[in-house]
């Protein structure tokens, strides 16, 4: 069964901030009866895009690995939640690898004009970026550009973009103000998904 919500934990740390955030969001969604599945992508076999050109001709990716079933999941889902650490003002390496493999979706939409992810279906995304450093001007610059492209490529409107800073000094579980904000945003997101499932969104 395809998940209603895909949760992507894009951190290599097994019990770090992103994992804890992902688990909290997953609990809220499941409490509301929303079928959510968390993918810890650093535990998945997702190969690099090698620019072979296969997707430009077929709208599909030649590589068969753990990314293969994700295309259908993105299509069938009501939305995607991404929780990702910020490395050099951008996404983690594994998240970038996953995004590069979305080239198959891009080609199906814009080159072949036959999108493998339905374009007329409403989907809602949630995006949480975790920065270790204290806030600075460009901290999320590359991250925001990359993630905006990702959500648009999978035909999902990102309704919540949350930024956590200074996680090297105070972690998610200890940061009461941020955790309160995050849980409130997750509840709001769950409400939006419930409306979408009912056809009210």
Protein backbone atom coordinates (compact mmCIF):
# COMPACT_ATOMS: atom_id res chain seq x y z
CA UNK A 1 0.00 0.00 0.00
CA UNK A 2 1.33 3.40 -0.97
CA UNK A 3 1.74 5.88 1.90
CA UNK A 4 -0.55 8.91 2.01
CA UNK A 5 2.36 10.99 3.25
CA UNK A 6 6.02 10.37 2.48
CA UNK A 7 8.40 11.51 5.22
CA UNK A 8 12.02 11.83 4.10
CA UNK A 9 14.66 11.93 6.80
CA UNK A 10 17.68 13.19 4.87
CA UNK A 11 20.25 13.03 7.67
CA UNK A 12 22.96 10.36 8.06
CA UNK A 13 22.73 10.53 11.85
CA UNK A 14 20.77 7.65 13.33
CA UNK A 15 19.38 9.51 16.33
CA UNK A 16 20.00 13.17 15.59
CA UNK A 17 17.75 16.19 15.23
CA UNK A 18 16.31 15.26 11.84
CA UNK A 19 15.43 11.75 12.96
CA UNK A 20 13.71 13.08 16.09
CA UNK A 21 11.78 15.70 14.10
CA UNK A 22 10.74 13.08 11.55
CA UNK A 23 9.47 10.76 14.27
CA UNK A 24 7.44 13.54 15.93
CA UNK A 25 5.78 14.45 12.63
CA UNK A 26 5.11 10.80 11.87
CA UNK A 27 3.42 10.33 15.25
CA UNK A 28 1.15 13.36 14.73
CA UNK A 29 0.09 12.21 11.27
CA UNK A 30 -0.60 8.64 12.39
CA UNK A 31 -2.54 9.90 15.42
CA UNK A 32 -4.85 11.64 12.94
CA UNK A 33 -5.31 8.45 10.96
CA UNK A 34 -3.04 9.51 8.10
CA UNK A 35 -0.93 6.73 6.63
CA UNK A 36 2.61 8.09 6.84
CA UNK A 37 5.81 6.23 6.02
CA UNK A 38 9.24 7.51 7.02
CA UNK A 39 12.18 6.88 4.72
CA UNK A 40 15.64 7.19 6.27
CA UNK A 41 17.35 7.69 2.94
CA UNK A 42 20.88 7.13 4.20
CA UNK A 43 19.80 3.54 4.82
CA UNK A 44 18.51 3.22 1.25
CA UNK A 45 20.29 2.21 -1.93
CA UNK A 46 19.86 5.26 -4.17
CA UNK A 47 22.42 5.46 -6.95
CA UNK A 48 23.68 8.67 -8.51
CA UNK A 49 22.13 10.00 -11.70
CA UNK A 50 24.74 9.37 -14.39
CA UNK A 51 23.15 11.54 -17.10
CA UNK A 52 22.67 8.55 -19.42
CA UNK A 53 19.76 10.22 -21.23
CA UNK A 54 17.38 7.26 -20.84
CA UNK A 55 14.71 9.35 -19.09
CA UNK A 56 14.74 11.91 -21.91
CA UNK A 57 13.49 9.17 -24.27
CA UNK A 58 11.23 7.17 -21.94
CA UNK A 59 10.24 9.36 -18.97
CA UNK A 60 11.59 6.65 -16.68
CA UNK A 61 14.89 6.04 -14.92
CA UNK A 62 17.10 3.23 -16.16
CA UNK A 63 18.53 2.56 -12.69
CA UNK A 64 16.66 0.00 -10.59
CA UNK A 65 17.19 0.49 -6.87
CA UNK A 66 15.32 1.79 -3.81
CA UNK A 67 14.40 4.96 -5.69
CA UNK A 68 12.37 3.02 -8.27
CA UNK A 69 9.15 2.61 -6.21
CA UNK A 70 9.40 6.19 -4.95
CA UNK A 71 8.15 7.61 -8.26
CA UNK A 72 4.78 5.91 -7.86
CA UNK A 73 4.66 6.85 -4.18
CA UNK A 74 5.14 10.54 -5.00
CA UNK A 75 2.35 10.24 -7.56
CA UNK A 76 -0.14 8.44 -5.30
CA UNK A 77 0.57 10.40 -2.12
CA UNK A 78 -1.17 13.47 -0.74
CA UNK A 79 2.16 15.07 0.11
CA UNK A 80 5.80 14.83 1.09
CA UNK A 81 7.57 15.96 4.25
CA UNK A 82 11.32 16.55 4.02
CA UNK A 83 13.51 16.95 7.11
CA UNK A 84 17.06 17.73 6.06
CA UNK A 85 20.28 19.05 7.57
CA UNK A 86 21.95 22.01 5.94
CA UNK A 87 25.45 21.39 4.59
CA UNK A 88 27.32 24.33 3.01
CA UNK A 89 24.06 26.30 2.73
CA UNK A 90 22.37 23.46 0.83
CA UNK A 91 20.90 19.96 1.19
CA UNK A 92 22.71 16.84 2.33
CA UNK A 93 24.50 14.71 -0.27
CA UNK A 94 21.96 11.87 -0.18
CA UNK A 95 19.04 14.30 -0.54
CA UNK A 96 20.74 15.85 -3.55
CA UNK A 97 21.19 12.36 -5.01
CA UNK A 98 17.46 11.68 -4.59
CA UNK A 99 16.61 15.04 -6.15
CA UNK A 100 18.91 14.41 -9.11
CA UNK A 101 17.00 11.19 -9.78
CA UNK A 102 13.82 13.30 -10.09
CA UNK A 103 15.24 14.17 -13.52
CA UNK A 104 13.04 11.34 -14.81
CA UNK A 105 9.97 13.23 -13.63
CA UNK A 106 11.26 16.47 -15.12
CA UNK A 107 11.84 14.87 -18.51
CA UNK A 108 8.45 13.18 -18.53
CA UNK A 109 6.79 16.54 -17.83
CA UNK A 110 8.72 19.00 -19.92
CA UNK A 111 10.35 17.00 -22.70
CA UNK A 112 7.88 14.17 -23.35
CA UNK A 113 4.79 16.08 -22.14
CA UNK A 114 3.51 12.95 -20.37
CA UNK A 115 4.24 13.38 -16.67
CA UNK A 116 4.70 10.21 -14.61
CA UNK A 117 3.38 12.22 -11.64
CA UNK A 118 -0.16 13.48 -12.27
CA UNK A 119 -0.09 17.25 -12.61
CA UNK A 120 -3.76 17.87 -11.84
CA UNK A 121 -3.69 16.23 -8.40
CA UNK A 122 -3.26 18.49 -5.37
CA UNK A 123 -0.43 17.59 -3.02
CA UNK A 124 0.89 19.47 -0.01
CA UNK A 125 4.48 19.45 1.16
CA UNK A 126 6.21 20.31 4.41
CA UNK A 127 9.88 21.28 4.48
CA UNK A 128 12.09 21.44 7.60
CA UNK A 129 15.72 22.58 7.30
CA UNK A 130 18.07 22.05 10.25
CA UNK A 131 21.12 24.31 10.40
CA UNK A 132 23.84 23.66 12.94
CA UNK A 133 25.29 27.16 12.94
CA UNK A 134 23.82 30.31 14.43
CA UNK A 135 21.73 32.26 11.91
CA UNK A 136 23.53 34.10 9.08
CA UNK A 137 22.30 35.71 5.86
CA UNK A 138 22.99 32.96 3.31
CA UNK A 139 22.47 29.98 5.63
CA UNK A 140 19.53 28.54 3.69
CA UNK A 141 20.14 30.15 0.29
CA UNK A 142 21.16 27.10 -1.73
CA UNK A 143 18.85 24.88 0.28
CA UNK A 144 15.74 26.92 -0.54
CA UNK A 145 16.47 27.02 -4.27
CA UNK A 146 17.08 23.27 -4.44
CA UNK A 147 14.06 22.29 -2.37
CA UNK A 148 11.74 24.64 -4.24
CA UNK A 149 12.73 22.91 -7.46
CA UNK A 150 12.19 19.50 -5.85
CA UNK A 151 8.66 20.23 -4.63
CA UNK A 152 7.66 21.81 -7.94
CA UNK A 153 9.04 18.81 -9.82
CA UNK A 154 6.91 16.35 -7.83
CA UNK A 155 3.85 18.59 -8.27
CA UNK A 156 3.55 19.41 -4.59
CA UNK A 157 2.79 22.79 -3.04
CA UNK A 158 5.07 23.36 -0.05
CA UNK A 159 2.80 24.96 2.55
CA UNK A 160 5.24 25.03 5.46
CA UNK A 161 8.93 25.91 5.33
CA UNK A 162 10.49 25.75 8.76
CA UNK A 163 14.05 26.68 9.60
CA UNK A 164 15.93 25.55 12.69
CA UNK A 165 19.25 27.23 13.48
CA UNK A 166 21.90 26.76 16.17
CA UNK A 167 21.25 23.03 16.45
CA UNK A 168 24.92 22.46 17.27
CA UNK A 169 24.38 24.43 20.49
CA UNK A 170 20.90 23.25 21.43
CA UNK A 171 19.31 20.18 19.94
CA UNK A 172 15.72 19.76 18.84
CA UNK A 173 14.59 17.82 21.92
CA UNK A 174 16.05 20.49 24.23
CA UNK A 175 14.86 23.49 22.21
CA UNK A 176 11.41 23.89 23.74
CA UNK A 177 10.41 26.97 21.73
CA UNK A 178 11.31 25.47 18.38
CA UNK A 179 9.79 22.09 19.23
CA UNK A 180 6.52 23.78 20.22
CA UNK A 181 6.50 25.66 16.91
CA UNK A 182 7.31 22.52 14.93
CA UNK A 183 4.58 20.44 16.57
CA UNK A 184 2.04 23.20 15.96
CA UNK A 185 3.05 23.37 12.29
CA UNK A 186 2.79 19.58 12.04
CA UNK A 187 -0.75 19.67 13.47
CA UNK A 188 -1.68 22.37 10.93
CA UNK A 189 -0.18 20.25 8.18
CA UNK A 190 -2.19 17.24 9.30
CA UNK A 191 -5.37 19.34 9.17
CA UNK A 192 -4.55 20.40 5.60
CA UNK A 193 -4.03 16.78 4.59
CA UNK A 194 -7.34 15.79 6.19
CA UNK A 195 -9.09 18.50 4.14
CA UNK A 196 -7.30 17.36 1.01
CA UNK A 197 -8.43 13.77 1.58
CA UNK A 198 -12.01 14.98 2.01
CA UNK A 199 -11.78 17.09 -1.12
CA UNK A 200 -12.11 20.37 0.82
CA UNK A 201 -8.65 21.72 0.02
